[in-house]
Amino acid sequence: MTSMRSPMARARGLGSAKDGTTHWWAQRLSALALIPLVVWFVASMVAMTGADYVTVRAWIGSPLVAGLLILLIATVFYHAHLGLQVVVEDYVHHEATKFGAIIAIKALAIVLSLTGVLAVLSILFGA
């Protein structure tokens, strides 16, 4: 039986359920945000070469540096989560395994980013 619907009408509603574009943009924007953050972090680490523990701790204790480190940590783990999710969705074909892997990746990203953020905050507030 032939359909009276146009190819566009047949294609609507199929695919990523309008989520793929959002995911793609989030990954690109997080990558874009990481460029200056990583350049700043690497330059800072090069400048800190040979510094003692007290100097590095004082540097991290600066509100601007702590804020940038928290932004870097959150963005790195968010970007990694997005990238690993795409890999799992593309290459894991068993639905239960795919679901479990995506949940594990998300949980790991949350735990590791919170651990990093709390470490920076503990230095910032002198705990």
N, C-alpha and C. Protein backbone atom coordinates (compact mmCIF):
# COMPACT_ATOMS: atom_id res chain seq x y z
N MET A 1 0.84 -1.18 0.00
CA MET A 1 0.00 0.00 0.00
C MET A 1 0.89 1.24 0.00
N THR A 2 0.66 2.14 -0.87
CA THR A 2 1.45 3.36 -0.94
C THR A 2 0.88 4.40 0.00
N SER A 3 1.77 5.18 0.55
CA SER A 3 1.38 6.21 1.50
C SER A 3 1.23 7.53 0.78
N MET A 4 0.27 8.30 1.21
CA MET A 4 0.05 9.63 0.65
C MET A 4 0.91 10.67 1.37
N ARG A 5 1.66 10.25 2.38
CA ARG A 5 2.47 11.18 3.16
C ARG A 5 3.76 11.49 2.43
N SER A 6 4.26 12.70 2.61
CA SER A 6 5.54 13.10 2.02
C SER A 6 6.68 12.43 2.79
N PRO A 7 7.88 12.36 2.19
CA PRO A 7 9.03 11.79 2.91
C PRO A 7 9.30 12.51 4.23
N MET A 8 9.12 13.82 4.24
CA MET A 8 9.35 14.59 5.47
C MET A 8 8.33 14.19 6.54
N ALA A 9 7.10 14.01 6.17
CA ALA A 9 6.07 13.63 7.13
C ALA A 9 6.35 12.24 7.67
N ARG A 10 6.85 11.33 6.83
CA ARG A 10 7.17 9.98 7.30
C ARG A 10 8.35 10.00 8.26
N ALA A 11 9.29 10.92 8.07
CA ALA A 11 10.49 10.97 8.90
C ALA A 11 10.28 11.65 10.24
N ARG A 12 9.26 12.51 10.32
CA ARG A 12 9.02 13.21 11.58
C ARG A 12 8.70 12.22 12.70
N GLY A 13 9.25 12.52 13.85
CA GLY A 13 8.98 11.66 14.99
C GLY A 13 9.91 10.46 15.08
N LEU A 14 10.75 10.27 14.10
CA LEU A 14 11.69 9.16 14.14
C LEU A 14 13.05 9.67 14.59
N GLY A 15 13.89 8.78 15.01
CA GLY A 15 15.26 9.18 15.35
C GLY A 15 15.41 9.52 16.81
N SER A 16 16.06 10.62 17.10
CA SER A 16 16.49 10.93 18.45
C SER A 16 15.42 11.58 19.31
N ALA A 17 14.23 11.68 18.82
CA ALA A 17 13.14 12.31 19.58
C ALA A 17 13.51 13.73 19.98
N LYS A 18 14.17 14.42 19.10
CA LYS A 18 14.56 15.82 19.27
C LYS A 18 15.58 16.04 20.38
N ASP A 19 16.24 14.98 20.84
CA ASP A 19 17.22 15.11 21.90
C ASP A 19 18.64 15.17 21.35
N GLY A 20 18.86 14.65 20.16
CA GLY A 20 20.20 14.57 19.60
C GLY A 20 20.84 15.93 19.37
N THR A 21 20.07 16.89 18.91
CA THR A 21 20.62 18.22 18.65
C THR A 21 21.05 18.90 19.94
N THR A 22 20.24 18.76 20.97
CA THR A 22 20.59 19.35 22.27
C THR A 22 21.88 18.74 22.81
N HIS A 23 21.98 17.43 22.70
CA HIS A 23 23.18 16.73 23.17
C HIS A 23 24.40 17.18 22.37
N TRP A 24 24.25 17.29 21.07
CA TRP A 24 25.34 17.71 20.18
C TRP A 24 25.81 19.12 20.55
N TRP A 25 24.85 20.04 20.73
CA TRP A 25 25.21 21.41 21.09
C TRP A 25 25.87 21.48 22.46
N ALA A 26 25.36 20.72 23.42
CA ALA A 26 25.95 20.72 24.76
C ALA A 26 27.39 20.24 24.72
N GLN A 27 27.64 19.22 23.91
CA GLN A 27 29.01 18.70 23.80
C GLN A 27 29.92 19.74 23.15
N ARG A 28 29.45 20.40 22.12
CA ARG A 28 30.27 21.41 21.43
C ARG A 28 30.52 22.63 22.32
N LEU A 29 29.49 23.07 23.04
CA LEU A 29 29.66 24.24 23.90
C LEU A 29 30.56 23.94 25.10
N SER A 30 30.44 22.73 25.64
CA SER A 30 31.34 22.38 26.75
C SER A 30 32.78 22.26 26.25
N ALA A 31 32.97 21.76 25.04
CA ALA A 31 34.32 21.70 24.47
C ALA A 31 34.86 23.11 24.26
N LEU A 32 34.02 24.00 23.80
CA LEU A 32 34.44 25.40 23.59
C LEU A 32 34.81 26.06 24.92
N ALA A 33 34.03 25.79 25.96
CA ALA A 33 34.34 26.35 27.28
C ALA A 33 35.63 25.77 27.85
N LEU A 34 35.93 24.53 27.49
CA LEU A 34 37.15 23.90 28.01
C LEU A 34 38.42 24.48 27.41
N ILE A 35 38.36 25.04 26.24
CA ILE A 35 39.57 25.57 25.61
C ILE A 35 40.26 26.61 26.49
N PRO A 36 39.59 27.72 26.85
CA PRO A 36 40.30 28.69 27.69
C PRO A 36 40.60 28.17 29.09
N LEU A 37 39.70 27.33 29.63
CA LEU A 37 39.93 26.80 30.97
C LEU A 37 41.16 25.90 31.03
N VAL A 38 41.32 25.04 30.04
CA VAL A 38 42.48 24.15 30.02
C VAL A 38 43.75 24.94 29.75
N VAL A 39 43.69 25.92 28.85
CA VAL A 39 44.87 26.75 28.58
C VAL A 39 45.28 27.48 29.86
N TRP A 40 44.30 28.05 30.58
CA TRP A 40 44.61 28.72 31.85
C TRP A 40 45.21 27.75 32.86
N PHE A 41 44.63 26.55 32.97
CA PHE A 41 45.10 25.58 33.95
C PHE A 41 46.51 25.11 33.62
N VAL A 42 46.78 24.79 32.37
CA VAL A 42 48.13 24.34 31.98
C VAL A 42 49.14 25.45 32.21
N ALA A 43 48.80 26.68 31.81
CA ALA A 43 49.71 27.80 32.03
C ALA A 43 49.97 28.01 33.52
N SER A 44 48.93 27.86 34.33
CA SER A 44 49.09 28.01 35.78
C SER A 44 49.97 26.92 36.35
N MET A 45 49.80 25.70 35.88
CA MET A 45 50.63 24.60 36.37
C MET A 45 52.09 24.78 35.95
N VAL A 46 52.32 25.30 34.76
CA VAL A 46 53.69 25.57 34.33
C VAL A 46 54.29 26.67 35.21
N ALA A 47 53.49 27.69 35.50
CA ALA A 47 53.98 28.78 36.36
C ALA A 47 54.23 28.30 37.79
N MET A 48 53.51 27.28 38.22
CA MET A 48 53.66 26.75 39.58
C MET A 48 54.76 25.69 39.69
N THR A 49 55.44 25.41 38.60
CA THR A 49 56.51 24.40 38.64
C THR A 49 57.54 24.79 39.70
N GLY A 50 57.79 23.85 40.58
CA GLY A 50 58.77 24.08 41.63
C GLY A 50 58.21 24.75 42.87
N ALA A 51 56.93 25.11 42.85
CA ALA A 51 56.32 25.75 44.01
C ALA A 51 56.09 24.72 45.11
N ASP A 52 56.15 25.19 46.35
CA ASP A 52 55.92 24.28 47.46
C ASP A 52 54.42 24.15 47.74
N TYR A 53 54.10 23.24 48.65
CA TYR A 53 52.72 22.92 48.99
C TYR A 53 51.95 24.16 49.47
N VAL A 54 52.57 24.94 50.32
CA VAL A 54 51.91 26.12 50.90
C VAL A 54 51.55 27.13 49.80
N THR A 55 52.46 27.32 48.85
CA THR A 55 52.21 28.26 47.75
C THR A 55 51.05 27.80 46.88
N VAL A 56 51.04 26.52 46.54
CA VAL A 56 49.96 26.00 45.69
C VAL A 56 48.63 26.04 46.43
N ARG A 57 48.64 25.71 47.70
CA ARG A 57 47.41 25.76 48.49
C ARG A 57 46.89 27.20 48.60
N ALA A 58 47.79 28.16 48.76
CA ALA A 58 47.38 29.57 48.81
C ALA A 58 46.82 30.01 47.46
N TRP A 59 47.41 29.52 46.38
CA TRP A 59 46.93 29.84 45.04
C TRP A 59 45.51 29.31 44.84
N ILE A 60 45.28 28.05 45.24
CA ILE A 60 43.95 27.46 45.11
C ILE A 60 42.96 28.17 46.03
N GLY A 61 43.45 28.70 47.15
CA GLY A 61 42.59 29.41 48.10
C GLY A 61 42.12 30.77 47.64
N SER A 62 42.63 31.25 46.53
CA SER A 62 42.15 32.51 45.97
C SER A 62 40.76 32.30 45.39
N PRO A 63 39.80 33.19 45.67
CA PRO A 63 38.43 32.99 45.17
C PRO A 63 38.34 32.88 43.64
N LEU A 64 39.10 33.67 42.91
CA LEU A 64 39.05 33.60 41.45
C LEU A 64 39.57 32.26 40.96
N VAL A 65 40.70 31.83 41.49
CA VAL A 65 41.29 30.55 41.09
C VAL A 65 40.37 29.40 41.48
N ALA A 66 39.82 29.44 42.69
CA ALA A 66 38.91 28.38 43.12
C ALA A 66 37.68 28.31 42.22
N GLY A 67 37.14 29.45 41.85
CA GLY A 67 35.99 29.49 40.95
C GLY A 67 36.31 28.90 39.59
N LEU A 68 37.47 29.27 39.05
CA LEU A 68 37.88 28.73 37.75
C LEU A 68 38.15 27.23 37.83
N LEU A 69 38.73 26.77 38.93
CA LEU A 69 38.97 25.33 39.10
C LEU A 69 37.65 24.56 39.19
N ILE A 70 36.70 25.11 39.92
CA ILE A 70 35.39 24.46 40.03
C ILE A 70 34.71 24.40 38.66
N LEU A 71 34.80 25.50 37.92
CA LEU A 71 34.24 25.52 36.56
C LEU A 71 34.93 24.51 35.67
N LEU A 72 36.24 24.41 35.78
CA LEU A 72 37.00 23.43 34.99
C LEU A 72 36.59 22.00 35.35
N ILE A 73 36.52 21.70 36.62
CA ILE A 73 36.16 20.35 37.06
C ILE A 73 34.76 19.98 36.57
N ALA A 74 33.80 20.86 36.78
CA ALA A 74 32.43 20.58 36.38
C ALA A 74 32.32 20.41 34.86
N THR A 75 33.00 21.25 34.11
CA THR A 75 32.93 21.19 32.66
C THR A 75 33.62 19.95 32.12
N VAL A 76 34.75 19.57 32.69
CA VAL A 76 35.46 18.38 32.24
C VAL A 76 34.59 17.14 32.42
N PHE A 77 34.00 16.98 33.59
CA PHE A 77 33.20 15.78 33.84
C PHE A 77 31.89 15.80 33.07
N TYR A 78 31.31 16.97 32.85
CA TYR A 78 30.09 17.07 32.04
C TYR A 78 30.41 16.68 30.59
N HIS A 79 31.49 17.22 30.06
CA HIS A 79 31.90 16.91 28.69
C HIS A 79 32.25 15.44 28.54
N ALA A 80 32.96 14.88 29.50
CA ALA A 80 33.30 13.46 29.46
C ALA A 80 32.05 12.59 29.51
N HIS A 81 31.11 12.96 30.36
CA HIS A 81 29.85 12.23 30.45
C HIS A 81 29.13 12.23 29.11
N LEU A 82 29.05 13.39 28.47
CA LEU A 82 28.37 13.47 27.17
C LEU A 82 29.07 12.60 26.12
N GLY A 83 30.38 12.66 26.08
CA GLY A 83 31.13 11.89 25.10
C GLY A 83 31.02 10.39 25.32
N LEU A 84 31.15 9.95 26.56
CA LEU A 84 31.04 8.53 26.86
C LEU A 84 29.63 8.01 26.62
N GLN A 85 28.64 8.84 26.86
CA GLN A 85 27.26 8.44 26.60
C GLN A 85 27.05 8.16 25.11
N VAL A 86 27.61 9.01 24.26
CA VAL A 86 27.50 8.80 22.82
C VAL A 86 28.18 7.49 22.41
N VAL A 87 29.34 7.22 22.96
CA VAL A 87 30.05 5.98 22.64
C VAL A 87 29.20 4.77 23.03
N VAL A 88 28.64 4.80 24.23
CA VAL A 88 27.80 3.68 24.68
C VAL A 88 26.57 3.54 23.79
N GLU A 89 25.91 4.65 23.49
CA GLU A 89 24.71 4.58 22.64
C GLU A 89 25.02 4.05 21.25
N ASP A 90 26.20 4.37 20.74
CA ASP A 90 26.55 3.93 19.39
C ASP A 90 27.04 2.50 19.32
N TYR A 91 27.72 2.02 20.35
CA TYR A 91 28.42 0.74 20.25
C TYR A 91 27.93 -0.37 21.16
N VAL A 92 27.07 -0.05 22.12
CA VAL A 92 26.51 -1.10 22.98
C VAL A 92 25.09 -1.36 22.47
N HIS A 93 24.83 -2.60 22.09
CA HIS A 93 23.56 -2.90 21.43
C HIS A 93 22.56 -3.60 22.33
N HIS A 94 22.99 -4.16 23.44
CA HIS A 94 22.07 -4.78 24.38
C HIS A 94 21.48 -3.68 25.26
N GLU A 95 20.15 -3.56 25.24
CA GLU A 95 19.50 -2.41 25.90
C GLU A 95 19.74 -2.35 27.40
N ALA A 96 19.73 -3.46 28.07
CA ALA A 96 19.95 -3.44 29.53
C ALA A 96 21.38 -3.03 29.85
N THR A 97 22.33 -3.53 29.07
CA THR A 97 23.73 -3.15 29.28
C THR A 97 23.93 -1.68 28.97
N LYS A 98 23.30 -1.21 27.90
CA LYS A 98 23.39 0.20 27.53
C LYS A 98 22.84 1.09 28.64
N PHE A 99 21.68 0.72 29.16
CA PHE A 99 21.05 1.50 30.23
C PHE A 99 21.94 1.52 31.47
N GLY A 100 22.46 0.36 31.85
CA GLY A 100 23.33 0.28 33.02
C GLY A 100 24.61 1.08 32.85
N ALA A 101 25.20 1.01 31.66
CA ALA A 101 26.44 1.75 31.39
C ALA A 101 26.21 3.25 31.44
N ILE A 102 25.10 3.71 30.89
CA ILE A 102 24.81 5.15 30.89
C ILE A 102 24.57 5.63 32.32
N ILE A 103 23.85 4.85 33.12
CA ILE A 103 23.62 5.22 34.52
C ILE A 103 24.95 5.24 35.28
N ALA A 104 25.80 4.24 35.04
CA ALA A 104 27.10 4.18 35.73
C ALA A 104 27.98 5.37 35.34
N ILE A 105 27.99 5.71 34.07
CA ILE A 105 28.79 6.85 33.60
C ILE A 105 28.30 8.14 34.24
N LYS A 106 26.99 8.31 34.26
CA LYS A 106 26.42 9.53 34.85
C LYS A 106 26.74 9.60 36.35
N ALA A 107 26.57 8.49 37.04
CA ALA A 107 26.85 8.46 38.49
C ALA A 107 28.32 8.73 38.77
N LEU A 108 29.20 8.11 37.99
CA LEU A 108 30.63 8.31 38.18
C LEU A 108 31.02 9.77 37.92
N ALA A 109 30.45 10.36 36.88
CA ALA A 109 30.74 11.77 36.58
C ALA A 109 30.28 12.67 37.72
N ILE A 110 29.12 12.39 38.28
CA ILE A 110 28.61 13.20 39.38
C ILE A 110 29.49 13.04 40.62
N VAL A 111 29.82 11.81 40.96
CA VAL A 111 30.64 11.56 42.16
C VAL A 111 32.02 12.19 42.03
N LEU A 112 32.66 11.99 40.88
CA LEU A 112 34.01 12.54 40.70
C LEU A 112 34.01 14.06 40.64
N SER A 113 33.01 14.65 39.98
CA SER A 113 32.98 16.11 39.92
C SER A 113 32.68 16.70 41.30
N LEU A 114 31.77 16.08 42.05
CA LEU A 114 31.51 16.58 43.40
C LEU A 114 32.72 16.43 44.30
N THR A 115 33.45 15.35 44.15
CA THR A 115 34.68 15.15 44.94
C THR A 115 35.68 16.26 44.64
N GLY A 116 35.87 16.57 43.37
CA GLY A 116 36.80 17.63 42.98
C GLY A 116 36.36 19.00 43.47
N VAL A 117 35.07 19.28 43.32
CA VAL A 117 34.54 20.57 43.76
C VAL A 117 34.66 20.71 45.28
N LEU A 118 34.34 19.65 46.01
CA LEU A 118 34.45 19.71 47.47
C LEU A 118 35.90 19.86 47.92
N ALA A 119 36.83 19.27 47.18
CA ALA A 119 38.25 19.43 47.52
C ALA A 119 38.68 20.89 47.35
N VAL A 120 38.25 21.50 46.26
CA VAL A 120 38.58 22.92 46.05
C VAL A 120 37.94 23.79 47.10
N LEU A 121 36.67 23.52 47.41
CA LEU A 121 35.97 24.30 48.44
C LEU A 121 36.59 24.14 49.81
N SER A 122 37.08 22.95 50.12
CA SER A 122 37.72 22.75 51.44
C SER A 122 39.01 23.55 51.54
N ILE A 123 39.72 23.66 50.44
CA ILE A 123 40.94 24.50 50.43
C ILE A 123 40.56 25.96 50.51
N LEU A 124 39.55 26.35 49.74
CA LEU A 124 39.11 27.76 49.73
C LEU A 124 38.68 28.22 51.11
N PHE A 125 37.93 27.39 51.82
CA PHE A 125 37.42 27.80 53.12
C PHE A 125 38.28 27.32 54.28
N GLY A 126 39.45 26.78 53.95
CA GLY A 126 40.44 26.46 54.97
C GLY A 126 40.12 25.28 55.86
N ALA A 127 39.34 24.34 55.35
CA ALA A 127 38.99 23.16 56.17
C ALA A 127 40.12 22.15 56.17
